[in-house]
């Protein structure tokens, strides 16, 4: 739970390398790795197909796409952050991957209608003020019969243990209020259906923070916001962080958020 809420536009140039490292570290979390495997199985890319990852970050999923579609297919990434685009292009070049990367976002994918056989969109909807618009954009670029997997966290499912229940509730509520589309995970199925897509299956997995991280940067930062908003006192914040540190030391700690995924198809 330490870094799942980070956004590239909140980092200055000096922090970009750290952001890239954090995103790569997230990919090794067992829960996220298993959900990504589910997503790739659901998309079931074949040689010669066209696939795009909207919000492609450092490009790891696009490179995986490129391996699946082969030299006759197309694997593209769309990413608004120029530093992440540069990191993805560098990675692809180092791996001699034919993956390509393009500037764009979930509201404006720089490709024509009915272009792609498969679309992946991971951890993007939670940052969108108009998620229905993004769902329609996915439907637009999918060819008839094409399939998509959209994955996102639902911060209403966040668990912080140990800690005073009221204090924890105020911290989680602060996190929810600070996230643009905090309940995005539970809304994905409805959004894709409203965009004209047919839901084929759904999946979920709890992303559990390693106990060695302790409270982590996110809980520390959000609890400070709760103090600033006078929802908890500084003494209560310090007590919460101390209890989480003690829990990390003796094994009695749990910090997690549930990620949801929806597999849908565009009617042929």
Protein backbone atom coordinates (compact mmCIF):
# COMPACT_ATOMS: atom_id res chain seq x y z
CA UNK A 1 0.00 0.00 0.00
CA UNK A 2 3.10 2.17 0.20
CA UNK A 3 3.12 3.45 -3.37
CA UNK A 4 -0.09 2.44 -5.15
CA UNK A 5 -1.45 6.00 -5.05
CA UNK A 6 1.56 7.72 -6.57
CA UNK A 7 1.05 9.75 -9.73
CA UNK A 8 3.77 10.78 -12.17
CA UNK A 9 2.56 14.38 -12.37
CA UNK A 10 3.36 14.82 -8.67
CA UNK A 11 7.09 14.28 -9.22
CA UNK A 12 9.63 16.79 -10.39
CA UNK A 13 12.48 15.84 -12.72
CA UNK A 14 14.74 14.86 -9.84
CA UNK A 15 12.22 12.32 -8.65
CA UNK A 16 11.58 10.53 -11.91
CA UNK A 17 14.21 7.81 -11.50
CA UNK A 18 12.77 7.00 -8.10
CA UNK A 19 9.27 6.78 -9.59
CA UNK A 20 10.48 4.36 -12.25
CA UNK A 21 12.08 2.20 -9.58
CA UNK A 22 8.87 2.25 -7.50
CA UNK A 23 6.73 1.20 -10.47
CA UNK A 24 9.08 -1.66 -11.27
CA UNK A 25 9.03 -2.75 -7.61
CA UNK A 26 5.22 -2.80 -7.64
CA UNK A 27 5.31 -5.24 -10.54
CA UNK A 28 7.03 -7.78 -8.29
CA UNK A 29 4.25 -7.77 -5.66
CA UNK A 30 2.69 -11.24 -5.70
CA UNK A 31 -0.89 -9.99 -5.86
CA UNK A 32 -0.27 -7.63 -8.77
CA UNK A 33 1.83 -10.22 -10.60
CA UNK A 34 -0.94 -12.81 -10.34
CA UNK A 35 -3.61 -10.35 -11.49
CA UNK A 36 -1.46 -9.36 -14.46
CA UNK A 37 -1.08 -13.02 -15.37
CA UNK A 38 -4.89 -13.31 -15.24
CA UNK A 39 -5.16 -10.25 -17.50
CA UNK A 40 -2.76 -11.65 -20.09
CA UNK A 41 -4.58 -15.00 -20.05
CA UNK A 42 -7.90 -13.21 -20.58
CA UNK A 43 -6.56 -11.10 -23.46
CA UNK A 44 -5.01 -14.22 -25.02
CA UNK A 45 -2.97 -12.36 -27.62
CA UNK A 46 -2.11 -14.18 -30.81
CA UNK A 47 0.64 -13.59 -33.40
CA UNK A 48 -0.23 -10.79 -35.80
CA UNK A 49 -2.68 -9.02 -33.49
CA UNK A 50 -2.62 -5.38 -32.38
CA UNK A 51 -2.55 -4.51 -28.66
CA UNK A 52 -2.27 -1.29 -26.67
CA UNK A 53 -1.61 -0.52 -23.01
CA UNK A 54 -3.24 2.78 -21.97
CA UNK A 55 -1.17 4.31 -19.19
CA UNK A 56 1.81 2.14 -20.07
CA UNK A 57 4.25 3.66 -17.55
CA UNK A 58 7.70 2.12 -17.92
CA UNK A 59 6.51 -0.20 -20.68
CA UNK A 60 6.83 -3.67 -19.18
CA UNK A 61 3.37 -4.84 -20.28
CA UNK A 62 3.82 -3.50 -23.81
CA UNK A 63 7.08 -5.42 -24.14
CA UNK A 64 5.22 -8.56 -23.03
CA UNK A 65 2.57 -7.78 -25.66
CA UNK A 66 5.27 -7.49 -28.32
CA UNK A 67 6.53 -10.97 -27.52
CA UNK A 68 3.01 -12.38 -27.84
CA UNK A 69 2.00 -10.71 -31.12
CA UNK A 70 5.37 -11.31 -32.78
CA UNK A 71 6.95 -9.46 -35.72
CA UNK A 72 3.69 -9.30 -37.69
CA UNK A 73 1.72 -7.72 -34.86
CA UNK A 74 1.71 -4.32 -33.17
CA UNK A 75 2.33 -3.63 -29.47
CA UNK A 76 1.83 0.00 -28.46
CA UNK A 77 1.91 1.92 -25.22
CA UNK A 78 0.14 5.22 -24.53
CA UNK A 79 1.47 7.36 -21.69
CA UNK A 80 1.07 11.10 -20.86
CA UNK A 81 4.27 11.47 -18.84
CA UNK A 82 7.32 12.22 -21.05
CA UNK A 83 9.80 10.88 -18.51
CA UNK A 84 8.02 7.54 -18.30
CA UNK A 85 7.80 7.45 -22.10
CA UNK A 86 11.56 7.95 -22.29
CA UNK A 87 12.13 5.19 -19.72
CA UNK A 88 9.89 2.81 -21.69
CA UNK A 89 11.61 3.57 -24.98
CA UNK A 90 15.01 3.04 -23.38
CA UNK A 91 13.91 -0.30 -21.94
CA UNK A 92 12.51 -1.47 -25.28
CA UNK A 93 15.71 -0.47 -27.07
CA UNK A 94 17.86 -2.32 -24.56
CA UNK A 95 15.74 -5.45 -25.04
CA UNK A 96 15.59 -5.03 -28.83
CA UNK A 97 11.80 -5.06 -28.55
CA UNK A 98 9.60 -3.75 -31.38
CA UNK A 99 7.22 -2.22 -28.79
CA UNK A 100 6.34 1.39 -29.58
CA UNK A 101 5.30 4.19 -27.24
CA UNK A 102 3.11 7.20 -27.90
CA UNK A 103 2.13 10.37 -26.05
CA UNK A 104 -1.53 10.34 -25.08
CA UNK A 105 -3.90 9.58 -22.23
CA UNK A 106 -7.08 7.69 -21.38
CA UNK A 107 -9.21 10.46 -22.87
CA UNK A 108 -7.26 10.67 -26.12
CA UNK A 109 -5.65 7.49 -27.47
CA UNK A 110 -3.75 8.58 -30.61
CA UNK A 111 -5.16 5.87 -32.88
CA UNK A 112 -8.23 5.53 -35.04
CA UNK A 113 -11.44 3.72 -34.24
CA UNK A 114 -11.56 -0.07 -34.46
CA UNK A 115 -7.74 -0.37 -34.38
CA UNK A 116 -6.89 -2.86 -31.65
CA UNK A 117 -7.63 -6.49 -30.92
CA UNK A 118 -6.76 -5.98 -27.24
CA UNK A 119 -6.59 -3.08 -24.79
CA UNK A 120 -5.10 -3.10 -21.28
CA UNK A 121 -5.63 -0.25 -18.83
CA UNK A 122 -4.13 -0.68 -15.37
CA UNK A 123 -4.34 1.69 -12.36
CA UNK A 124 -5.48 4.65 -14.45
CA UNK A 125 -9.20 5.04 -13.69
CA UNK A 126 -8.59 5.96 -10.04
CA UNK A 127 -7.02 9.23 -11.25
CA UNK A 128 -9.77 10.20 -13.71
CA UNK A 129 -12.46 12.82 -13.17
CA UNK A 130 -14.43 11.45 -16.14
CA UNK A 131 -13.93 7.66 -16.11
CA UNK A 132 -16.96 7.09 -18.35
CA UNK A 133 -15.19 9.07 -21.06
CA UNK A 134 -12.16 6.79 -20.75
CA UNK A 135 -14.37 3.70 -20.98
CA UNK A 136 -15.86 5.05 -24.20
CA UNK A 137 -12.36 5.68 -25.55
CA UNK A 138 -11.43 2.05 -24.90
CA UNK A 139 -14.57 0.97 -26.76
CA UNK A 140 -13.73 3.33 -29.62
CA UNK A 141 -10.25 1.96 -30.34
CA UNK A 142 -11.29 -1.69 -29.95
CA UNK A 143 -12.22 -3.46 -33.16
CA UNK A 144 -15.51 -5.41 -33.18
CA UNK A 145 -14.84 -8.66 -31.35
CA UNK A 146 -11.83 -7.15 -29.57
CA UNK A 147 -11.27 -7.56 -25.85
CA UNK A 148 -10.07 -5.44 -22.98
CA UNK A 149 -8.95 -5.83 -19.37
CA UNK A 150 -9.26 -2.81 -17.09
CA UNK A 151 -7.68 -3.06 -13.65
CA UNK A 152 -7.80 -0.66 -10.73
CA UNK A 153 -7.68 -0.39 -6.97
CA UNK A 154 -10.69 0.36 -4.80
CA UNK A 155 -9.49 2.46 -1.89
CA UNK A 156 -12.71 1.76 -0.01
CA UNK A 157 -11.23 -1.71 0.54
CA UNK A 158 -8.06 -0.42 2.22
CA UNK A 159 -7.05 -2.15 5.46
CA UNK A 160 -4.64 -0.69 8.01
CA UNK A 161 -3.85 -2.86 11.05
CA UNK A 162 -2.99 -2.41 13.90
CA UNK A 163 -4.24 0.93 15.18
CA UNK A 164 -7.12 2.60 16.96
CA UNK A 165 -10.21 1.94 14.83
CA UNK A 166 -11.37 5.55 14.76
CA UNK A 167 -7.91 6.86 13.88
CA UNK A 168 -7.50 4.27 11.14
CA UNK A 169 -10.94 5.12 9.77
CA UNK A 170 -10.06 8.82 9.60
CA UNK A 171 -6.78 8.06 7.83
CA UNK A 172 -8.44 5.79 5.26
CA UNK A 173 -11.22 8.35 4.72
CA UNK A 174 -8.56 11.00 4.15
CA UNK A 175 -6.92 8.78 1.54
CA UNK A 176 -10.28 8.24 -0.15
CA UNK A 177 -11.06 11.96 -0.22
CA UNK A 178 -7.61 12.72 -1.66
CA UNK A 179 -8.02 10.24 -4.53
CA UNK A 180 -9.86 11.51 -7.60
CA UNK A 181 -11.85 8.31 -8.24
CA UNK A 182 -11.25 6.33 -5.06
CA UNK A 183 -13.95 3.70 -5.65
CA UNK A 184 -12.91 3.02 -9.24
CA UNK A 185 -12.43 -0.73 -8.72
CA UNK A 186 -16.09 -1.42 -7.95
CA UNK A 187 -17.28 0.81 -10.80
CA UNK A 188 -15.32 -0.75 -13.66
CA UNK A 189 -17.92 -3.31 -14.69
CA UNK A 190 -20.68 -0.72 -14.89
CA UNK A 191 -18.54 1.77 -16.78
CA UNK A 192 -17.51 -0.72 -19.43
CA UNK A 193 -21.08 -1.98 -19.81
CA UNK A 194 -22.36 1.57 -20.24
CA UNK A 195 -19.71 2.09 -22.95
CA UNK A 196 -21.27 -0.72 -24.95
CA UNK A 197 -18.89 -3.52 -24.02
CA UNK A 198 -19.92 -6.99 -22.85
CA UNK A 199 -18.35 -8.17 -19.59
CA UNK A 200 -16.90 -11.67 -19.93
CA UNK A 201 -15.36 -12.18 -16.49
CA UNK A 202 -14.04 -10.38 -13.43
CA UNK A 203 -11.15 -10.94 -11.05
CA UNK A 204 -9.65 -9.42 -7.92
CA UNK A 205 -6.63 -9.71 -5.69
CA UNK A 206 -5.57 -8.06 -2.45
CA UNK A 207 -2.27 -6.21 -2.81
CA UNK A 208 -0.61 -6.74 0.56
CA UNK A 209 2.31 -4.58 1.57
CA UNK A 210 5.36 -6.43 2.81
CA UNK A 211 5.59 -6.14 6.58
CA UNK A 212 9.20 -5.00 6.36
CA UNK A 213 7.98 -1.65 4.99
CA UNK A 214 6.13 -0.91 8.23
CA UNK A 215 3.70 2.01 7.97
CA UNK A 216 5.20 3.01 4.63
CA UNK A 217 5.39 6.42 2.99
CA UNK A 218 1.73 6.51 1.96
CA UNK A 219 0.28 5.93 5.45
CA UNK A 220 2.79 8.36 6.90
CA UNK A 221 1.86 11.03 4.36
CA UNK A 222 -1.90 10.52 4.53
CA UNK A 223 -1.93 10.47 8.33
CA UNK A 224 -0.14 13.83 8.24
CA UNK A 225 -2.93 15.09 5.97
CA UNK A 226 -5.49 13.85 8.50
CA UNK A 227 -3.73 15.87 11.20
CA UNK A 228 -3.70 18.96 8.97
CA UNK A 229 -7.45 18.54 8.47
CA UNK A 230 -7.89 18.21 12.25
CA UNK A 231 -9.43 14.77 11.91
CA UNK A 232 -6.85 13.26 14.26
CA UNK A 233 -4.27 14.80 16.56
CA UNK A 234 -0.53 14.65 16.07
CA UNK A 235 -0.32 12.46 19.18
CA UNK A 236 -2.81 10.02 17.63
CA UNK A 237 -0.81 9.97 14.42
CA UNK A 238 2.42 9.25 16.27
CA UNK A 239 0.69 6.48 18.22
CA UNK A 240 -0.62 4.92 14.97
CA UNK A 241 2.82 4.98 13.35
CA UNK A 242 4.37 3.53 16.51
CA UNK A 243 1.82 0.70 16.61
CA UNK A 244 2.45 -0.09 12.94
CA UNK A 245 6.21 -0.12 13.53
CA UNK A 246 5.75 -2.47 16.48
CA UNK A 247 3.42 -4.64 14.41
CA UNK A 248 6.01 -4.86 11.64
CA UNK A 249 8.60 -5.95 14.19
CA UNK A 250 6.51 -8.74 15.72
CA UNK A 251 4.53 -9.81 12.66
CA UNK A 252 1.16 -8.35 13.65
CA UNK A 253 0.64 -5.96 10.72
CA UNK A 254 -1.57 -5.86 7.64
CA UNK A 255 -1.78 -3.08 5.06
CA UNK A 256 -3.59 -3.83 1.82
CA UNK A 257 -5.90 -2.62 -0.89
CA UNK A 258 -7.94 -4.77 -3.26
CA UNK A 259 -7.37 -4.52 -7.00
CA UNK A 260 -10.25 -5.41 -9.30
CA UNK A 261 -10.08 -6.41 -12.95
CA UNK A 262 -12.78 -6.65 -15.60
CA UNK A 263 -12.44 -8.56 -18.86
CA UNK A 264 -14.84 -7.31 -21.53
CA UNK A 265 -15.41 -7.62 -25.26
CA UNK A 266 -16.71 -5.31 -27.96
CA UNK A 267 -19.70 -6.87 -29.74
CA UNK A 268 -18.80 -8.18 -33.19
